Amino acid sequence: MSAKKARKHDAPDFERTMAELEETVRRLEAGDLPLEDSLAAFEKGIALVRALHARLDSVQMRIDELTQAPDGSASLTPLATPASGVEPDQDAGEDGEDYDE
C-alpha cells in the first residue's frame, strides 16, 4: 500500500476510533454495566485514548515538518481571523474577553 493510500485511511480510522471512544464513554456514563463490564469498557476506553493521542502526536510531528523553515527553525505564524484581520489575542483581556481601557 502506498503512503498516499495509507494517509487516506488515517482520517476514517481516527474518526472511527473517536466514535468508538464516544460510545464507550456513553456506556460507562449510563451506569448500567456490571462491575466487570465497566472495568473492561474503561480499559478499552484508555486504549482508545492512547491510540488517538499517538495519532495526534504523529500528525503534530508531520505539521512541524511541513512548517519547518529551511534553516531548521520553526516557522510559526499566528493566524488572523478572516472577517476582522485581527489576531486572536489582540484587544482581549487575560480571560479572552474584549475590554475598554
PDB file of N, CA and C in Angstrom:
ATOM      1  N   MET A   1       0.851  -1.173   0.000  1.00  0.00           N
ATOM      2  CA  MET A   1       0.000   0.000   0.000  1.00  0.00           C
ATOM      3  C   MET A   1       0.893   1.232   0.000  1.00  0.00           C
ATOM      4  N   SER A   2       0.577   2.216  -0.858  1.00  0.00           N
ATOM      5  CA  SER A   2       1.403   3.414  -0.948  1.00  0.00           C
ATOM      6  C   SER A   2       1.139   4.328   0.247  1.00  0.00           C
ATOM      7  N   ALA A   3       2.046   5.293   0.456  1.00  0.00           N
ATOM      8  CA  ALA A   3       1.892   6.235   1.565  1.00  0.00           C
ATOM      9  C   ALA A   3       0.633   7.078   1.372  1.00  0.00           C
ATOM     10  N   LYS A   4       0.336   7.423   0.108  1.00  0.00           N
ATOM     11  CA  LYS A   4      -0.853   8.223  -0.171  1.00  0.00           C
ATOM     12  C   LYS A   4      -2.117   7.468   0.222  1.00  0.00           C
ATOM     13  N   LYS A   5      -2.200   6.179  -0.124  1.00  0.00           N
ATOM     14  CA  LYS A   5      -3.359   5.376   0.241  1.00  0.00           C
ATOM     15  C   LYS A   5      -3.452   5.220   1.756  1.00  0.00           C
ATOM     16  N   ALA A   6      -2.312   5.057   2.416  1.00  0.00           N
ATOM     17  CA  ALA A   6      -2.296   4.903   3.875  1.00  0.00           C
ATOM     18  C   ALA A   6      -2.856   6.161   4.531  1.00  0.00           C
ATOM     19  N   ARG A   7      -2.483   7.350   4.017  1.00  0.00           N
ATOM     20  CA  ARG A   7      -2.976   8.600   4.584  1.00  0.00           C
ATOM     21  C   ARG A   7      -4.480   8.748   4.397  1.00  0.00           C
ATOM     22  N   LYS A   8      -5.014   8.274   3.283  1.00  0.00           N
ATOM     23  CA  LYS A   8      -6.449   8.369   3.040  1.00  0.00           C
ATOM     24  C   LYS A   8      -7.230   7.571   4.072  1.00  0.00           C
ATOM     25  N   HIS A   9      -6.646   6.502   4.579  1.00  0.00           N
ATOM     26  CA  HIS A   9      -7.333   5.662   5.551  1.00  0.00           C
ATOM     27  C   HIS A   9      -7.169   6.172   6.979  1.00  0.00           C
ATOM     28  N   ASP A  10      -6.207   7.077   7.225  1.00  0.00           N
ATOM     29  CA  ASP A  10      -5.970   7.576   8.577  1.00  0.00           C
ATOM     30  C   ASP A  10      -7.170   8.327   9.128  1.00  0.00           C
ATOM     31  N   ALA A  11      -7.739   9.240   8.351  1.00  0.00           N
ATOM     32  CA  ALA A  11      -8.858  10.036   8.841  1.00  0.00           C
ATOM     33  C   ALA A  11     -10.050   9.157   9.209  1.00  0.00           C
ATOM     34  N   PRO A  12     -10.483   8.254   8.326  1.00  0.00           N
ATOM     35  CA  PRO A  12     -11.605   7.393   8.733  1.00  0.00           C
ATOM     36  C   PRO A  12     -11.265   6.549   9.961  1.00  0.00           C
ATOM     37  N   ASP A  13     -10.036   6.060  10.048  1.00  0.00           N
ATOM     38  CA  ASP A  13      -9.645   5.285  11.220  1.00  0.00           C
ATOM     39  C   ASP A  13      -9.681   6.148  12.475  1.00  0.00           C
ATOM     40  N   PHE A  14      -9.217   7.375  12.370  1.00  0.00           N
ATOM     41  CA  PHE A  14      -9.248   8.287  13.509  1.00  0.00           C
ATOM     42  C   PHE A  14     -10.696   8.557  13.903  1.00  0.00           C
ATOM     43  N   GLU A  15     -11.512   8.869  12.915  1.00  0.00           N
ATOM     44  CA  GLU A  15     -12.925   9.156  13.180  1.00  0.00           C
ATOM     45  C   GLU A  15     -13.635   7.931  13.753  1.00  0.00           C
ATOM     46  N   ARG A  16     -13.326   6.766  13.232  1.00  0.00           N
ATOM     47  CA  ARG A  16     -13.945   5.532  13.726  1.00  0.00           C
ATOM     48  C   ARG A  16     -13.528   5.274  15.176  1.00  0.00           C
ATOM     49  N   THR A  17     -12.250   5.486  15.472  1.00  0.00           N
ATOM     50  CA  THR A  17     -11.749   5.287  16.831  1.00  0.00           C
ATOM     51  C   THR A  17     -12.384   6.286  17.784  1.00  0.00           C
ATOM     52  N   MET A  18     -12.530   7.541  17.332  1.00  0.00           N
ATOM     53  CA  MET A  18     -13.154   8.562  18.162  1.00  0.00           C
ATOM     54  C   MET A  18     -14.618   8.197  18.438  1.00  0.00           C
ATOM     55  N   ALA A  19     -15.322   7.727  17.422  1.00  0.00           N
ATOM     56  CA  ALA A  19     -16.723   7.322  17.603  1.00  0.00           C
ATOM     57  C   ALA A  19     -16.818   6.152  18.574  1.00  0.00           C
ATOM     58  N   GLU A  20     -15.875   5.224  18.476  1.00  0.00           N
ATOM     59  CA  GLU A  20     -15.860   4.075  19.388  1.00  0.00           C
ATOM     60  C   GLU A  20     -15.612   4.541  20.828  1.00  0.00           C
ATOM     61  N   LEU A  21     -14.716   5.499  21.002  1.00  0.00           N
ATOM     62  CA  LEU A  21     -14.454   6.049  22.330  1.00  0.00           C
ATOM     63  C   LEU A  21     -15.698   6.744  22.878  1.00  0.00           C
ATOM     64  N   GLU A  22     -16.350   7.535  22.039  1.00  0.00           N
ATOM     65  CA  GLU A  22     -17.565   8.222  22.484  1.00  0.00           C
ATOM     66  C   GLU A  22     -18.639   7.224  22.913  1.00  0.00           C
ATOM     67  N   GLU A  23     -18.784   6.137  22.167  1.00  0.00           N
ATOM     68  CA  GLU A  23     -19.763   5.112  22.518  1.00  0.00           C
ATOM     69  C   GLU A  23     -19.385   4.432  23.840  1.00  0.00           C
ATOM     70  N   THR A  24     -18.109   4.170  24.020  1.00  0.00           N
ATOM     71  CA  THR A  24     -17.633   3.547  25.260  1.00  0.00           C
ATOM     72  C   THR A  24     -17.917   4.462  26.452  1.00  0.00           C
ATOM     73  N   VAL A  25     -17.634   5.744  26.290  1.00  0.00           N
ATOM     74  CA  VAL A  25     -17.893   6.711  27.360  1.00  0.00           C
ATOM     75  C   VAL A  25     -19.391   6.782  27.655  1.00  0.00           C
ATOM     76  N   ARG A  26     -20.217   6.797  26.604  1.00  0.00           N
ATOM     77  CA  ARG A  26     -21.664   6.845  26.797  1.00  0.00           C
ATOM     78  C   ARG A  26     -22.146   5.646  27.615  1.00  0.00           C
ATOM     79  N   ARG A  27     -21.608   4.455  27.288  1.00  0.00           N
ATOM     80  CA  ARG A  27     -21.996   3.248  28.015  1.00  0.00           C
ATOM     81  C   ARG A  27     -21.574   3.335  29.479  1.00  0.00           C
ATOM     82  N   LEU A  28     -20.377   3.842  29.716  1.00  0.00           N
ATOM     83  CA  LEU A  28     -19.905   3.971  31.095  1.00  0.00           C
ATOM     84  C   LEU A  28     -20.726   4.998  31.865  1.00  0.00           C
ATOM     85  N   GLU A  29     -21.024   6.115  31.227  1.00  0.00           N
ATOM     86  CA  GLU A  29     -21.788   7.167  31.904  1.00  0.00           C
ATOM     87  C   GLU A  29     -23.218   6.739  32.205  1.00  0.00           C
ATOM     88  N   ALA A  30     -23.755   5.831  31.398  1.00  0.00           N
ATOM     89  CA  ALA A  30     -25.120   5.346  31.644  1.00  0.00           C
ATOM     90  C   ALA A  30     -25.202   4.618  32.979  1.00  0.00           C
ATOM     91  N   GLY A  31     -24.102   3.990  33.397  1.00  0.00           N
ATOM     92  CA  GLY A  31     -24.047   3.332  34.695  1.00  0.00           C
ATOM     93  C   GLY A  31     -24.813   2.020  34.775  1.00  0.00           C
ATOM     94  N   ASP A  32     -25.168   1.446  33.627  1.00  0.00           N
ATOM     95  CA  ASP A  32     -25.958   0.220  33.606  1.00  0.00           C
ATOM     96  C   ASP A  32     -25.119  -1.054  33.535  1.00  0.00           C
ATOM     97  N   LEU A  33     -23.816  -0.912  33.405  1.00  0.00           N
ATOM     98  CA  LEU A  33     -22.956  -2.088  33.235  1.00  0.00           C
ATOM     99  C   LEU A  33     -22.577  -2.707  34.580  1.00  0.00           C
ATOM    100  N   PRO A  34     -22.486  -4.016  34.610  1.00  0.00           N
ATOM    101  CA  PRO A  34     -21.949  -4.668  35.815  1.00  0.00           C
ATOM    102  C   PRO A  34     -20.481  -4.257  36.000  1.00  0.00           C
ATOM    103  N   LEU A  35     -19.981  -4.442  37.182  1.00  0.00           N
ATOM    104  CA  LEU A  35     -18.619  -4.011  37.515  1.00  0.00           C
ATOM    105  C   LEU A  35     -17.580  -4.527  36.532  1.00  0.00           C
ATOM    106  N   GLU A  36     -17.594  -5.817  36.244  1.00  0.00           N
ATOM    107  CA  GLU A  36     -16.583  -6.392  35.343  1.00  0.00           C
ATOM    108  C   GLU A  36     -16.676  -5.791  33.943  1.00  0.00           C
ATOM    109  N   ASP A  37     -17.900  -5.576  33.467  1.00  0.00           N
ATOM    110  CA  ASP A  37     -18.079  -4.972  32.147  1.00  0.00           C
ATOM    111  C   ASP A  37     -17.635  -3.508  32.154  1.00  0.00           C
ATOM    112  N   SER A  38     -17.885  -2.827  33.259  1.00  0.00           N
ATOM    113  CA  SER A  38     -17.432  -1.439  33.397  1.00  0.00           C
ATOM    114  C   SER A  38     -15.917  -1.354  33.356  1.00  0.00           C
ATOM    115  N   LEU A  39     -15.270  -2.269  34.053  1.00  0.00           N
ATOM    116  CA  LEU A  39     -13.810  -2.294  34.050  1.00  0.00           C
ATOM    117  C   LEU A  39     -13.278  -2.564  32.650  1.00  0.00           C
ATOM    118  N   ALA A  40     -13.878  -3.514  31.946  1.00  0.00           N
ATOM    119  CA  ALA A  40     -13.446  -3.833  30.576  1.00  0.00           C
ATOM    120  C   ALA A  40     -13.665  -2.631  29.654  1.00  0.00           C
ATOM    121  N   ALA A  41     -14.795  -1.955  29.811  1.00  0.00           N
ATOM    122  CA  ALA A  41     -15.081  -0.780  28.988  1.00  0.00           C
ATOM    123  C   ALA A  41     -14.095   0.340  29.301  1.00  0.00           C
ATOM    124  N   PHE A  42     -13.774   0.516  30.570  1.00  0.00           N
ATOM    125  CA  PHE A  42     -12.800   1.533  30.971  1.00  0.00           C
ATOM    126  C   PHE A  42     -11.434   1.238  30.363  1.00  0.00           C
ATOM    127  N   GLU A  43     -11.003  -0.020  30.424  1.00  0.00           N
ATOM    128  CA  GLU A  43      -9.719  -0.413  29.841  1.00  0.00           C
ATOM    129  C   GLU A  43      -9.714  -0.166  28.333  1.00  0.00           C
ATOM    130  N   LYS A  44     -10.825  -0.493  27.679  1.00  0.00           N
ATOM    131  CA  LYS A  44     -10.939  -0.249  26.243  1.00  0.00           C
ATOM    132  C   LYS A  44     -10.856   1.243  25.962  1.00  0.00           C
ATOM    133  N   GLY A  45     -11.542   2.052  26.776  1.00  0.00           N
ATOM    134  CA  GLY A  45     -11.507   3.500  26.606  1.00  0.00           C
ATOM    135  C   GLY A  45     -10.103   4.062  26.744  1.00  0.00           C
ATOM    136  N   ILE A  46      -9.364   3.564  27.722  1.00  0.00           N
ATOM    137  CA  ILE A  46      -7.980   4.016  27.916  1.00  0.00           C
ATOM    138  C   ILE A  46      -7.135   3.667  26.690  1.00  0.00           C
ATOM    139  N   ALA A  47      -7.306   2.470  26.162  1.00  0.00           N
ATOM    140  CA  ALA A  47      -6.560   2.055  24.969  1.00  0.00           C
ATOM    141  C   ALA A  47      -6.923   2.941  23.771  1.00  0.00           C
ATOM    142  N   LEU A  48      -8.193   3.272  23.636  1.00  0.00           N
ATOM    143  CA  LEU A  48      -8.622   4.135  22.538  1.00  0.00           C
ATOM    144  C   LEU A  48      -8.046   5.535  22.681  1.00  0.00           C
ATOM    145  N   VAL A  49      -8.051   6.075  23.896  1.00  0.00           N
ATOM    146  CA  VAL A  49      -7.475   7.401  24.136  1.00  0.00           C
ATOM    147  C   VAL A  49      -5.991   7.399  23.781  1.00  0.00           C
ATOM    148  N   ARG A  50      -5.285   6.359  24.182  1.00  0.00           N
ATOM    149  CA  ARG A  50      -3.847   6.278  23.870  1.00  0.00           C
ATOM    150  C   ARG A  50      -3.610   6.198  22.364  1.00  0.00           C
ATOM    151  N   ALA A  51      -4.449   5.441  21.656  1.00  0.00           N
ATOM    152  CA  ALA A  51      -4.310   5.328  20.201  1.00  0.00           C
ATOM    153  C   ALA A  51      -4.577   6.679  19.533  1.00  0.00           C
ATOM    154  N   LEU A  52      -5.607   7.375  19.990  1.00  0.00           N
ATOM    155  CA  LEU A  52      -5.919   8.692  19.432  1.00  0.00           C
ATOM    156  C   LEU A  52      -4.804   9.688  19.737  1.00  0.00           C
ATOM    157  N   HIS A  53      -4.293   9.643  20.938  1.00  0.00           N
ATOM    158  CA  HIS A  53      -3.207  10.550  21.324  1.00  0.00           C
ATOM    159  C   HIS A  53      -1.970  10.296  20.465  1.00  0.00           C
ATOM    160  N   ALA A  54      -1.641   9.029  20.228  1.00  0.00           N
ATOM    161  CA  ALA A  54      -0.486   8.687  19.395  1.00  0.00           C
ATOM    162  C   ALA A  54      -0.686   9.206  17.975  1.00  0.00           C
ATOM    163  N   ARG A  55      -1.897   9.082  17.458  1.00  0.00           N
ATOM    164  CA  ARG A  55      -2.180   9.570  16.101  1.00  0.00           C
ATOM    165  C   ARG A  55      -2.051  11.081  16.043  1.00  0.00           C
ATOM    166  N   LEU A  56      -2.568  11.771  17.044  1.00  0.00           N
ATOM    167  CA  LEU A  56      -2.450  13.226  17.078  1.00  0.00           C
ATOM    168  C   LEU A  56      -0.989  13.663  17.187  1.00  0.00           C
ATOM    169  N   ASP A  57      -0.199  12.945  17.977  1.00  0.00           N
ATOM    170  CA  ASP A  57       1.232  13.244  18.070  1.00  0.00           C
ATOM    171  C   ASP A  57       1.899  13.087  16.714  1.00  0.00           C
ATOM    172  N   SER A  58       1.518  12.038  15.993  1.00  0.00           N
ATOM    173  CA  SER A  58       2.065  11.789  14.663  1.00  0.00           C
ATOM    174  C   SER A  58       1.701  12.920  13.701  1.00  0.00           C
ATOM    175  N   VAL A  59       0.466  13.349  13.763  1.00  0.00           N
ATOM    176  CA  VAL A  59       0.016  14.451  12.912  1.00  0.00           C
ATOM    177  C   VAL A  59       0.765  15.729  13.280  1.00  0.00           C
ATOM    178  N   GLN A  60       0.940  15.979  14.575  1.00  0.00           N
ATOM    179  CA  GLN A  60       1.661  17.180  15.007  1.00  0.00           C
ATOM    180  C   GLN A  60       3.100  17.162  14.495  1.00  0.00           C
ATOM    181  N   MET A  61       3.740  16.004  14.540  1.00  0.00           N
ATOM    182  CA  MET A  61       5.115  15.898  14.025  1.00  0.00           C
ATOM    183  C   MET A  61       5.142  16.206  12.530  1.00  0.00           C
ATOM    184  N   ARG A  62       4.157  15.721  11.802  1.00  0.00           N
ATOM    185  CA  ARG A  62       4.092  15.964  10.363  1.00  0.00           C
ATOM    186  C   ARG A  62       3.876  17.456  10.095  1.00  0.00           C
ATOM    187  N   ILE A  63       3.007  18.084  10.858  1.00  0.00           N
ATOM    188  CA  ILE A  63       2.783  19.527  10.707  1.00  0.00           C
ATOM    189  C   ILE A  63       4.064  20.288  11.000  1.00  0.00           C
ATOM    190  N   ASP A  64       4.770  19.889  12.057  1.00  0.00           N
ATOM    191  CA  ASP A  64       6.040  20.536  12.393  1.00  0.00           C
ATOM    192  C   ASP A  64       7.038  20.411  11.248  1.00  0.00           C
ATOM    193  N   GLU A  65       7.085  19.230  10.619  1.00  0.00           N
ATOM    194  CA  GLU A  65       7.984  19.030   9.477  1.00  0.00           C
ATOM    195  C   GLU A  65       7.616  19.958   8.321  1.00  0.00           C
ATOM    196  N   LEU A  66       6.328  20.086   8.071  1.00  0.00           N
ATOM    197  CA  LEU A  66       5.863  20.886   6.943  1.00  0.00           C
ATOM    198  C   LEU A  66       6.037  22.382   7.178  1.00  0.00           C
ATOM    199  N   THR A  67       6.043  22.818   8.429  1.00  0.00           N
ATOM    200  CA  THR A  67       6.174  24.243   8.724  1.00  0.00           C
ATOM    201  C   THR A  67       7.586  24.634   9.131  1.00  0.00           C
ATOM    202  N   GLN A  68       8.511  23.708   9.040  1.00  0.00           N
ATOM    203  CA  GLN A  68       9.893  23.996   9.416  1.00  0.00           C
ATOM    204  C   GLN A  68      10.551  24.863   8.351  1.00  0.00           C
ATOM    205  N   ALA A  69      11.244  25.898   8.795  1.00  0.00           N
ATOM    206  CA  ALA A  69      11.965  26.783   7.895  1.00  0.00           C
ATOM    207  C   ALA A  69      13.180  26.046   7.323  1.00  0.00           C
ATOM    208  N   PRO A  70      13.693  26.507   6.180  1.00  0.00           N
ATOM    209  CA  PRO A  70      14.853  25.849   5.561  1.00  0.00           C
ATOM    210  C   PRO A  70      16.074  25.738   6.477  1.00  0.00           C
ATOM    211  N   ASP A  71      16.237  26.691   7.415  1.00  0.00           N
ATOM    212  CA  ASP A  71      17.378  26.639   8.321  1.00  0.00           C
ATOM    213  C   ASP A  71      17.141  25.698   9.503  1.00  0.00           C
ATOM    214  N   GLY A  72      15.969  25.054   9.548  1.00  0.00           N
ATOM    215  CA  GLY A  72      15.670  24.107  10.609  1.00  0.00           C
ATOM    216  C   GLY A  72      14.891  24.688  11.764  1.00  0.00           C
ATOM    217  N   SER A  73      14.734  26.012  11.777  1.00  0.00           N
ATOM    218  CA  SER A  73      13.972  26.634  12.863  1.00  0.00           C
ATOM    219  C   SER A  73      12.480  26.493  12.585  1.00  0.00           C
ATOM    220  N   ALA A  74      11.705  26.619  13.646  1.00  0.00           N
ATOM    221  CA  ALA A  74      10.262  26.548  13.495  1.00  0.00           C
ATOM    222  C   ALA A  74       9.765  27.824  12.838  1.00  0.00           C
ATOM    223  N   SER A  75       8.837  27.676  11.937  1.00  0.00           N
ATOM    224  CA  SER A  75       8.278  28.820  11.235  1.00  0.00           C
ATOM    225  C   SER A  75       6.819  28.934  11.623  1.00  0.00           C
ATOM    226  N   LEU A  76       6.563  29.559  12.777  1.00  0.00           N
ATOM    227  CA  LEU A  76       5.205  29.674  13.276  1.00  0.00           C
ATOM    228  C   LEU A  76       4.681  31.076  12.995  1.00  0.00           C
ATOM    229  N   THR A  77       3.512  31.141  12.393  1.00  0.00           N
ATOM    230  CA  THR A  77       2.894  32.410  12.073  1.00  0.00           C
ATOM    231  C   THR A  77       1.508  32.429  12.694  1.00  0.00           C
ATOM    232  N   PRO A  78       1.200  33.440  13.506  1.00  0.00           N
ATOM    233  CA  PRO A  78      -0.145  33.494  14.087  1.00  0.00           C
ATOM    234  C   PRO A  78      -1.178  33.663  12.977  1.00  0.00           C
ATOM    235  N   LEU A  79      -2.324  33.034  13.164  1.00  0.00           N
ATOM    236  CA  LEU A  79      -3.393  33.137  12.187  1.00  0.00           C
ATOM    237  C   LEU A  79      -4.262  34.345  12.496  1.00  0.00           C
ATOM    238  N   ALA A  80      -4.633  35.073  11.466  1.00  0.00           N
ATOM    239  CA  ALA A  80      -5.563  36.194  11.631  1.00  0.00           C
ATOM    240  C   ALA A  80      -6.962  35.670  11.380  1.00  0.00           C
ATOM    241  N   THR A  81      -7.930  36.282  12.037  1.00  0.00           N
ATOM    242  CA  THR A  81      -9.314  35.891  11.776  1.00  0.00           C
ATOM    243  C   THR A  81      -9.718  36.462  10.427  1.00  0.00           C
ATOM    244  N   PRO A  82     -10.326  35.668   9.567  1.00  0.00           N
ATOM    245  CA  PRO A  82     -10.642  36.110   8.211  1.00  0.00           C
ATOM    246  C   PRO A  82     -11.568  37.333   8.166  1.00  0.00           C
ATOM    247  N   ALA A  83     -12.532  37.426   9.054  1.00  0.00           N
ATOM    248  CA  ALA A  83     -13.503  38.517   8.992  1.00  0.00           C
ATOM    249  C   ALA A  83     -12.903  39.854   9.414  1.00  0.00           C
ATOM    250  N   SER A  84     -12.111  39.852  10.477  1.00  0.00           N
ATOM    251  CA  SER A  84     -11.643  41.118  11.015  1.00  0.00           C
ATOM    252  C   SER A  84     -10.189  41.418  10.700  1.00  0.00           C
ATOM    253  N   GLY A  85      -9.412  40.386  10.407  1.00  0.00           N
ATOM    254  CA  GLY A  85      -7.993  40.594  10.186  1.00  0.00           C
ATOM    255  C   GLY A  85      -7.234  40.840  11.466  1.00  0.00           C
ATOM    256  N   VAL A  86      -7.895  40.713  12.623  1.00  0.00           N
ATOM    257  CA  VAL A  86      -7.274  40.930  13.922  1.00  0.00           C
ATOM    258  C   VAL A  86      -6.779  39.604  14.450  1.00  0.00           C
ATOM    259  N   GLU A  87      -5.558  39.597  14.970  1.00  0.00           N
ATOM    260  CA  GLU A  87      -5.032  38.367  15.550  1.00  0.00           C
ATOM    261  C   GLU A  87      -5.851  38.000  16.772  1.00  0.00           C
ATOM    262  N   PRO A  88      -5.994  36.688  17.086  1.00  0.00           N
ATOM    263  CA  PRO A  88      -6.883  36.230  18.151  1.00  0.00           C
ATOM    264  C   PRO A  88      -6.706  36.899  19.504  1.00  0.00           C
ATOM    265  N   ASP A  89      -5.482  37.146  19.982  1.00  0.00           N
ATOM    266  CA  ASP A  89      -5.276  37.685  21.320  1.00  0.00           C
ATOM    267  C   ASP A  89      -5.250  39.211  21.345  1.00  0.00           C
ATOM    268  N   GLN A  90      -5.256  39.830  20.206  1.00  0.00           N
ATOM    269  CA  GLN A  90      -5.187  41.279  20.138  1.00  0.00           C
ATOM    270  C   GLN A  90      -6.489  41.879  20.661  1.00  0.00           C
ATOM    271  N   ASP A  91      -6.400  42.946  21.444  1.00  0.00           N
ATOM    272  CA  ASP A  91      -7.559  43.641  22.002  1.00  0.00           C
ATOM    273  C   ASP A  91      -8.377  42.781  22.951  1.00  0.00           C
ATOM    274  N   ALA A  92      -7.784  41.792  23.563  1.00  0.00           N
ATOM    275  CA  ALA A  92      -8.524  40.946  24.511  1.00  0.00           C
ATOM    276  C   ALA A  92      -7.816  40.967  25.851  1.00  0.00           C
ATOM    277  N   GLY A  93      -8.610  40.860  26.912  1.00  0.00           N
ATOM    278  CA  GLY A  93      -8.053  40.801  28.259  1.00  0.00           C
ATOM    279  C   GLY A  93      -7.495  39.424  28.527  1.00  0.00           C
ATOM    280  N   GLU A  94      -7.000  39.206  29.750  1.00  0.00           N
ATOM    281  CA  GLU A  94      -6.416  37.918  30.112  1.00  0.00           C
ATOM    282  C   GLU A  94      -7.394  36.774  29.969  1.00  0.00           C
ATOM    283  N   ASP A  95      -8.667  37.040  30.226  1.00  0.00           N
ATOM    284  CA  ASP A  95      -9.665  35.979  30.145  1.00  0.00           C
ATOM    285  C   ASP A  95     -10.191  35.788  28.732  1.00  0.00           C
ATOM    286  N   GLY A  96      -9.616  36.510  27.759  1.00  0.00           N
ATOM    287  CA  GLY A  96     -10.011  36.361  26.369  1.00  0.00           C
ATOM    288  C   GLY A  96     -11.164  37.245  25.966  1.00  0.00           C
ATOM    289  N   GLU A  97     -11.703  38.038  26.900  1.00  0.00           N
ATOM    290  CA  GLU A  97     -12.828  38.912  26.589  1.00  0.00           C
ATOM    291  C   GLU A  97     -12.319  40.301  26.243  1.00  0.00           C
ATOM    292  N   ASP A  98     -13.015  40.962  25.331  1.00  0.00           N
ATOM    293  CA  ASP A  98     -12.655  42.313  24.959  1.00  0.00           C
ATOM    294  C   ASP A  98     -12.901  43.258  26.137  1.00  0.00           C
ATOM    295  N   TYR A  99     -12.118  44.304  26.210  1.00  0.00           N
ATOM    296  CA  TYR A  99     -12.306  45.281  27.247  1.00  0.00           C
ATOM    297  C   TYR A  99     -11.900  46.642  26.744  1.00  0.00           C
ATOM    298  N   ASP A 100     -12.451  47.682  27.340  1.00  0.00           N
ATOM    299  CA  ASP A 100     -12.086  49.040  27.010  1.00  0.00           C
ATOM    300  C   ASP A 100     -11.302  49.607  28.174  1.00  0.00           C
ATOM    301  N   GLU A 101     -10.245  50.333  27.845  1.00  0.00           N
ATOM    302  CA  GLU A 101      -9.445  50.935  28.903  1.00  0.00           C
ATOM    303  C   GLU A 101      -9.735  52.391  28.998  1.00  0.00           C
TER     304      GLU A 101
END
